C-alpha atoms as a PDB file:
ATOM      1  CA  THR A   1     -29.169 -13.653  11.858  1.00  0.00           C
ATOM      2  CA  HIS A   2     -27.765 -10.150  12.052  1.00  0.00           C
ATOM      3  CA  THR A   3     -25.150  -8.314  10.036  1.00  0.00           C
ATOM      4  CA  PRO A   4     -22.071  -7.076  11.933  1.00  0.00           C
ATOM      5  CA  LEU A   5     -23.401  -3.494  11.820  1.00  0.00           C
ATOM      6  CA  GLU A   6     -26.704  -4.676  13.303  1.00  0.00           C
ATOM      7  CA  TRP A   7     -24.761  -6.345  16.136  1.00  0.00           C
ATOM      8  CA  PHE A   8     -22.915  -3.065  16.729  1.00  0.00           C
ATOM      9  CA  ALA A   9     -26.269  -1.287  17.039  1.00  0.00           C
ATOM     10  CA  ILE A  10     -27.727  -4.010  19.294  1.00  0.00           C
ATOM     11  CA  TYR A  11     -24.786  -3.788  21.722  1.00  0.00           C
ATOM     12  CA  GLY A  12     -24.566  -0.003  21.624  1.00  0.00           C
ATOM     13  CA  LEU A  13     -21.233   0.035  19.789  1.00  0.00           C
ATOM     14  CA  LEU A  14     -22.459   2.672  17.340  1.00  0.00           C
ATOM     15  CA  ASP A  15     -22.364   5.429  19.947  1.00  0.00           C
ATOM     16  CA  THR A  16     -21.690   8.506  17.815  1.00  0.00           C
ATOM     17  CA  HIS A  17     -21.410  10.778  20.850  1.00  0.00           C
ATOM     18  CA  ASN A  18     -18.074   9.444  22.074  1.00  0.00           C
ATOM     19  CA  SER A  19     -14.879  11.475  22.024  1.00  0.00           C
ATOM     20  CA  MET A  20     -13.122   9.375  19.360  1.00  0.00           C
ATOM     21  CA  PRO A  21     -12.550  11.254  16.060  1.00  0.00           C
ATOM     22  CA  ARG A  22     -15.076  10.195  13.397  1.00  0.00           C
ATOM     23  CA  LEU A  23     -12.434   8.819  11.007  1.00  0.00           C
ATOM     24  CA  ALA A  24     -10.804   6.741  13.756  1.00  0.00           C
ATOM     25  CA  TYR A  25     -14.220   5.512  14.855  1.00  0.00           C
ATOM     26  CA  GLY A  26     -15.171   4.502  11.307  1.00  0.00           C
ATOM     27  CA  VAL A  27     -11.868   2.724  10.722  1.00  0.00           C
ATOM     28  CA  SER A  28     -12.187   0.925  14.068  1.00  0.00           C
ATOM     29  CA  ILE A  29     -15.660  -0.344  13.223  1.00  0.00           C
ATOM     30  CA  ALA A  30     -14.411  -1.470   9.789  1.00  0.00           C
ATOM     31  CA  ALA A  31     -11.677  -3.566  11.431  1.00  0.00           C
ATOM     32  CA  VAL A  32     -14.154  -5.205  13.795  1.00  0.00           C
ATOM     33  CA  ASP A  33     -16.592  -5.761  10.920  1.00  0.00           C
ATOM     34  CA  ALA A  34     -13.841  -7.450   8.863  1.00  0.00           C
ATOM     35  CA  ALA A  35     -12.846  -9.624  11.829  1.00  0.00           C
ATOM     36  CA  ILE A  36     -16.445 -10.744  12.376  1.00  0.00           C
ATOM     37  CA  HIS A  37     -16.871 -11.616   8.685  1.00  0.00           C
ATOM     38  CA  ASP A  38     -13.543 -13.441   8.689  1.00  0.00           C
ATOM     39  CA  ALA A  39     -14.490 -15.456  11.784  1.00  0.00           C
ATOM     40  CA  ALA A  40     -17.879 -16.341  10.293  1.00  0.00           C
ATOM     41  CA  GLY A  41     -16.222 -17.414   7.041  1.00  0.00           C
ATOM     42  CA  LYS A  42     -13.804 -19.640   8.949  1.00  0.00           C
ATOM     43  CA  ALA A  43     -16.673 -21.113  10.972  1.00  0.00           C
ATOM     44  CA  TYR A  44     -18.577 -22.028   7.805  1.00  0.00           C
ATOM     45  CA  ASN A  45     -15.394 -22.899   5.879  1.00  0.00           C
ATOM     46  CA  VAL A  46     -16.154 -20.388   3.097  1.00  0.00           C
ATOM     47  CA  SER A  47     -14.728 -17.074   1.979  1.00  0.00           C
ATOM     48  CA  SER A  48     -16.250 -14.158   3.869  1.00  0.00           C
ATOM     49  CA  TYR A  49     -17.170 -12.850   0.403  1.00  0.00           C
ATOM     50  CA  GLU A  50     -19.645 -15.744   0.111  1.00  0.00           C
ATOM     51  CA  LEU A  51     -21.412 -14.536   3.267  1.00  0.00           C
ATOM     52  CA  LEU A  52     -22.212 -11.145   1.775  1.00  0.00           C
ATOM     53  CA  PRO A  53     -25.720 -10.493   0.471  1.00  0.00           C
ATOM     54  CA  ASP A  54     -26.167 -10.965  -3.296  1.00  0.00           C
ATOM     55  CA  GLU A  55     -26.709  -7.236  -3.851  1.00  0.00           C
ATOM     56  CA  VAL A  56     -23.349  -6.469  -2.228  1.00  0.00           C
ATOM     57  CA  ARG A  57     -21.484  -9.199  -4.135  1.00  0.00           C
ATOM     58  CA  ALA A  58     -23.007  -7.875  -7.363  1.00  0.00           C
ATOM     59  CA  ILE A  59     -20.970  -4.663  -7.040  1.00  0.00           C
ATOM     60  CA  LEU A  60     -17.726  -6.234  -5.785  1.00  0.00           C
ATOM     61  CA  HIS A  61     -15.003  -8.139  -7.581  1.00  0.00           C
ATOM     62  CA  PRO A  62     -14.622 -11.729  -6.386  1.00  0.00           C
ATOM     63  CA  PRO A  63     -11.615 -12.258  -4.098  1.00  0.00           C
ATOM     64  CA  LYS A  64      -8.344 -13.294  -5.695  1.00  0.00           C
ATOM     65  CA  LYS A  65      -6.849 -16.670  -4.834  1.00  0.00           C
ATOM     66  CA  ASN A  66      -3.316 -15.257  -4.706  1.00  0.00           C
ATOM     67  CA  VAL A  67      -2.255 -11.754  -3.756  1.00  0.00           C
ATOM     68  CA  PRO A  68       1.308 -10.574  -4.363  1.00  0.00           C
ATOM     69  CA  ILE A  69       3.260  -9.657  -1.244  1.00  0.00           C
ATOM     70  CA  THR A  70       5.260  -6.440  -1.084  1.00  0.00           C
ATOM     71  CA  HIS A  71       8.476  -6.146   0.926  1.00  0.00           C
ATOM     72  CA  THR A  72       9.453  -2.671   2.070  1.00  0.00           C
ATOM     73  CA  VAL A  73      13.194  -2.436   1.525  1.00  0.00           C
ATOM     74  CA  GLY A  74      14.577  -1.006   4.750  1.00  0.00           C
ATOM     75  CA  LEU A  75      17.926   0.566   5.528  1.00  0.00           C
ATOM     76  CA  LEU A  76      19.030  -2.622   7.304  1.00  0.00           C
ATOM     77  CA  ASP A  77      18.139  -4.968   4.426  1.00  0.00           C
ATOM     78  CA  THR A  78      21.088  -6.803   2.917  1.00  0.00           C
ATOM     79  CA  PRO A  79      21.335  -8.845  -0.281  1.00  0.00           C
ATOM     80  CA  ASP A  80      20.888 -11.956   1.911  1.00  0.00           C
ATOM     81  CA  SER A  81      17.747 -10.604   3.602  1.00  0.00           C
ATOM     82  CA  LEU A  82      16.233  -9.699   0.221  1.00  0.00           C
ATOM     83  CA  ARG A  83      17.036 -13.147  -1.162  1.00  0.00           C
ATOM     84  CA  ARG A  84      15.433 -14.757   1.914  1.00  0.00           C
ATOM     85  CA  ALA A  85      12.362 -12.549   1.509  1.00  0.00           C
ATOM     86  CA  ARG A  86      11.954 -13.859  -2.018  1.00  0.00           C
ATOM     87  CA  ASP A  87      12.760 -17.508  -1.261  1.00  0.00           C
ATOM     88  CA  ASP A  88      11.102 -17.939   2.153  1.00  0.00           C
ATOM     89  CA  GLU A  89       8.168 -15.550   1.909  1.00  0.00           C
ATOM     90  CA  GLY A  90       7.432 -15.506  -1.816  1.00  0.00           C
ATOM     91  CA  ILE A  91       7.983 -11.767  -2.133  1.00  0.00           C
ATOM     92  CA  SER A  92       7.401 -10.519  -5.658  1.00  0.00           C
ATOM     93  CA  ASN A  93       6.966  -6.772  -5.122  1.00  0.00           C
ATOM     94  CA  TRP A  94       9.463  -4.337  -3.644  1.00  0.00           C
ATOM     95  CA  LYS A  95       8.788  -0.914  -2.103  1.00  0.00           C
ATOM     96  CA  ILE A  96      11.718   1.464  -1.649  1.00  0.00           C
ATOM     97  CA  LYS A  97      11.376   4.224   0.943  1.00  0.00           C
ATOM     98  CA  VAL A  98      13.091   7.504   0.052  1.00  0.00           C
ATOM     99  CA  ASN A  99      13.859  10.579   2.136  1.00  0.00           C
ATOM    100  CA  GLY A 100      12.659  13.534   0.021  1.00  0.00           C
ATOM    101  CA  ASN A 101      16.109  14.737  -1.004  1.00  0.00           C
ATOM    102  CA  PRO A 102      16.023  14.250  -4.797  1.00  0.00           C
ATOM    103  CA  LYS A 103      19.686  13.275  -5.238  1.00  0.00           C
ATOM    104  CA  GLU A 104      19.884  11.036  -2.143  1.00  0.00           C
ATOM    105  CA  SER A 105      16.559   9.411  -3.015  1.00  0.00           C
ATOM    106  CA  CYS A 106      17.712   8.726  -6.557  1.00  0.00           C
ATOM    107  CA  ALA A 107      20.952   7.180  -5.276  1.00  0.00           C
ATOM    108  CA  ARG A 108      18.983   4.961  -2.880  1.00  0.00           C
ATOM    109  CA  VAL A 109      16.679   3.708  -5.652  1.00  0.00           C
ATOM    110  CA  GLU A 110      19.695   2.994  -7.881  1.00  0.00           C
ATOM    111  CA  GLN A 111      21.484   1.152  -5.054  1.00  0.00           C
ATOM    112  CA  VAL A 112      18.493  -1.042  -4.172  1.00  0.00           C
ATOM    113  CA  LEU A 113      17.732  -1.748  -7.823  1.00  0.00           C
ATOM    114  CA  SER A 114      21.355  -2.754  -8.352  1.00  0.00           C
ATOM    115  CA  ILE A 115      21.103  -5.274  -5.503  1.00  0.00           C
ATOM    116  CA  LEU A 116      17.786  -6.619  -6.814  1.00  0.00           C
ATOM    117  CA  THR A 117      19.342  -6.997 -10.268  1.00  0.00           C
ATOM    118  CA  GLU A 118      22.356  -8.866  -8.849  1.00  0.00           C
ATOM    119  CA  LEU A 119      19.938 -11.244  -7.134  1.00  0.00           C
ATOM    120  CA  ALA A 120      17.930 -11.663 -10.349  1.00  0.00           C
ATOM    121  CA  LEU A 121      14.972 -10.021  -8.624  1.00  0.00           C
ATOM    122  CA  ASN A 122      14.669  -7.150 -11.080  1.00  0.00           C
ATOM    123  CA  ASN A 123      11.737  -8.575 -13.039  1.00  0.00           C
ATOM    124  CA  THR A 124       9.296  -7.900 -10.239  1.00  0.00           C
ATOM    125  CA  ALA A 125       7.092  -4.918  -9.359  1.00  0.00           C
ATOM    126  CA  LEU A 126       8.841  -1.919  -7.849  1.00  0.00           C
ATOM    127  CA  SER A 127       7.291   1.082  -6.098  1.00  0.00           C
ATOM    128  CA  ILE A 128       8.797   4.134  -4.430  1.00  0.00           C
ATOM    129  CA  ASP A 129       7.378   5.571  -1.196  1.00  0.00           C
ATOM    130  CA  GLY A 130       8.137   9.222  -0.534  1.00  0.00           C
ATOM    131  CA  ASN A 131       6.343   9.075   2.841  1.00  0.00           C
ATOM    132  CA  GLU A 132       5.299  12.720   2.384  1.00  0.00           C
ATOM    133  CA  SER A 133       8.997  13.668   2.502  1.00  0.00           C
ATOM    134  CA  PHE A 134       9.346  15.828  -0.622  1.00  0.00           C
ATOM    135  CA  LYS A 135       8.780  19.456   0.330  1.00  0.00           C
ATOM    136  CA  ASP A 136       6.900  20.293  -2.868  1.00  0.00           C
ATOM    137  CA  ILE A 137       5.985  19.067  -6.350  1.00  0.00           C
ATOM    138  CA  GLU A 138       9.089  20.671  -7.855  1.00  0.00           C
ATOM    139  CA  GLN A 139      11.285  18.437  -5.662  1.00  0.00           C
ATOM    140  CA  VAL A 140       9.352  15.380  -6.894  1.00  0.00           C
ATOM    141  CA  HIS A 141       9.999  16.446 -10.502  1.00  0.00           C
ATOM    142  CA  ILE A 142      13.712  16.909  -9.769  1.00  0.00           C
ATOM    143  CA  PHE A 143      13.777  13.405  -8.254  1.00  0.00           C
ATOM    144  CA  LEU A 144      12.042  11.882 -11.283  1.00  0.00           C
ATOM    145  CA  ASP A 145      14.398  13.802 -13.606  1.00  0.00           C
ATOM    146  CA  HIS A 146      17.378  12.145 -11.882  1.00  0.00           C
ATOM    147  CA  LEU A 147      16.033   8.620 -12.434  1.00  0.00           C
ATOM    148  CA  THR A 148      16.953   6.924 -15.691  1.00  0.00           C
ATOM    149  CA  SER A 149      14.187   5.982 -18.111  1.00  0.00           C
ATOM    150  CA  THR A 150      15.051   2.320 -17.471  1.00  0.00           C
ATOM    151  CA  ILE A 151      14.405   2.747 -13.755  1.00  0.00           C
ATOM    152  CA  LEU A 152      11.228   4.758 -14.353  1.00  0.00           C
ATOM    153  CA  GLN A 153       9.875   1.940 -16.521  1.00  0.00           C
ATOM    154  CA  LYS A 154      10.343  -0.516 -13.644  1.00  0.00           C
ATOM    155  CA  VAL A 155       8.475   1.680 -11.141  1.00  0.00           C
ATOM    156  CA  THR A 156       4.746   0.951 -11.085  1.00  0.00           C
ATOM    157  CA  PHE A 157       3.816   3.892  -8.846  1.00  0.00           C
ATOM    158  CA  LEU A 158       5.101   6.641  -6.563  1.00  0.00           C
ATOM    159  CA  GLU A 159       3.448   6.582  -3.142  1.00  0.00           C
ATOM    160  CA  GLN A 160       2.595   9.714  -1.149  1.00  0.00           C
ATOM    161  CA  PRO A 161       5.435  11.942  -2.384  1.00  0.00           C
ATOM    162  CA  ILE A 162       4.243  15.141  -0.659  1.00  0.00           C
ATOM    163  CA  SER A 163       2.299  15.933   2.485  1.00  0.00           C
ATOM    164  CA  ARG A 164      -1.330  14.862   2.453  1.00  0.00           C
ATOM    165  CA  THR A 165      -2.214  18.363   3.666  1.00  0.00           C
ATOM    166  CA  SER A 166      -0.503  20.029   0.714  1.00  0.00           C
ATOM    167  CA  THR A 167      -2.737  22.024  -1.592  1.00  0.00           C
ATOM    168  CA  GLU A 168      -0.369  21.597  -4.536  1.00  0.00           C
ATOM    169  CA  TYR A 169      -1.799  19.964  -7.624  1.00  0.00           C
ATOM    170  CA  VAL A 170      -0.106  16.578  -8.200  1.00  0.00           C
ATOM    171  CA  GLY A 171      -1.386  16.157 -11.760  1.00  0.00           C
ATOM    172  CA  SER A 172       1.907  17.244 -13.311  1.00  0.00           C
ATOM    173  CA  VAL A 173       3.637  14.349 -11.544  1.00  0.00           C
ATOM    174  CA  ALA A 174       0.803  11.892 -12.227  1.00  0.00           C
ATOM    175  CA  VAL A 175       1.278  12.340 -15.989  1.00  0.00           C
ATOM    176  CA  ARG A 176       4.823  11.102 -15.546  1.00  0.00           C
ATOM    177  CA  LYS A 177       4.230   8.311 -13.027  1.00  0.00           C
ATOM    178  CA  THR A 178       1.141   6.938 -11.318  1.00  0.00           C
ATOM    179  CA  ILE A 179       0.721   8.319  -7.799  1.00  0.00           C
ATOM    180  CA  LEU A 180      -0.786   6.435  -4.871  1.00  0.00           C
ATOM    181  CA  VAL A 181      -2.131   8.713  -2.174  1.00  0.00           C
ATOM    182  CA  ASP A 182      -2.956   6.995   1.104  1.00  0.00           C
END
């Protein structure tokens, strides 16, 4: 038997001289690799984790049986759509997108949290996604300053608040709230 990467080599899919950017190429191969492992796991009726060599499994955490699902709260979401997301899809985590304007972003978080509270959904995980929309770290601090301590306690992390190409140091924000950079 061959590993997925060996199959890529056998069929010439590891051509490093193509015009695709290296990162895109690597991500593409990873998706195909995951699909092959998933298909093999389904064929043998086991987790794809079980198909990995012992030395690989030794450095990985075993897969979880249940993974919480996150719902991104969109501008068109209503109290009914949020309730359905919880009841029909088992949503337990909520991500709120904000626009980078500290005051408007704060108002949006307060509005969504108010709806979640009304629906008794406020005891779940909450994250805020800046989508690289804050122009600098100072704007992120102003945003955080506008949020109440109660709201800040409910937020598990702040996702990508400033541009990924920014050279600003995000440590001053990370001491206040965990940052996820994707």
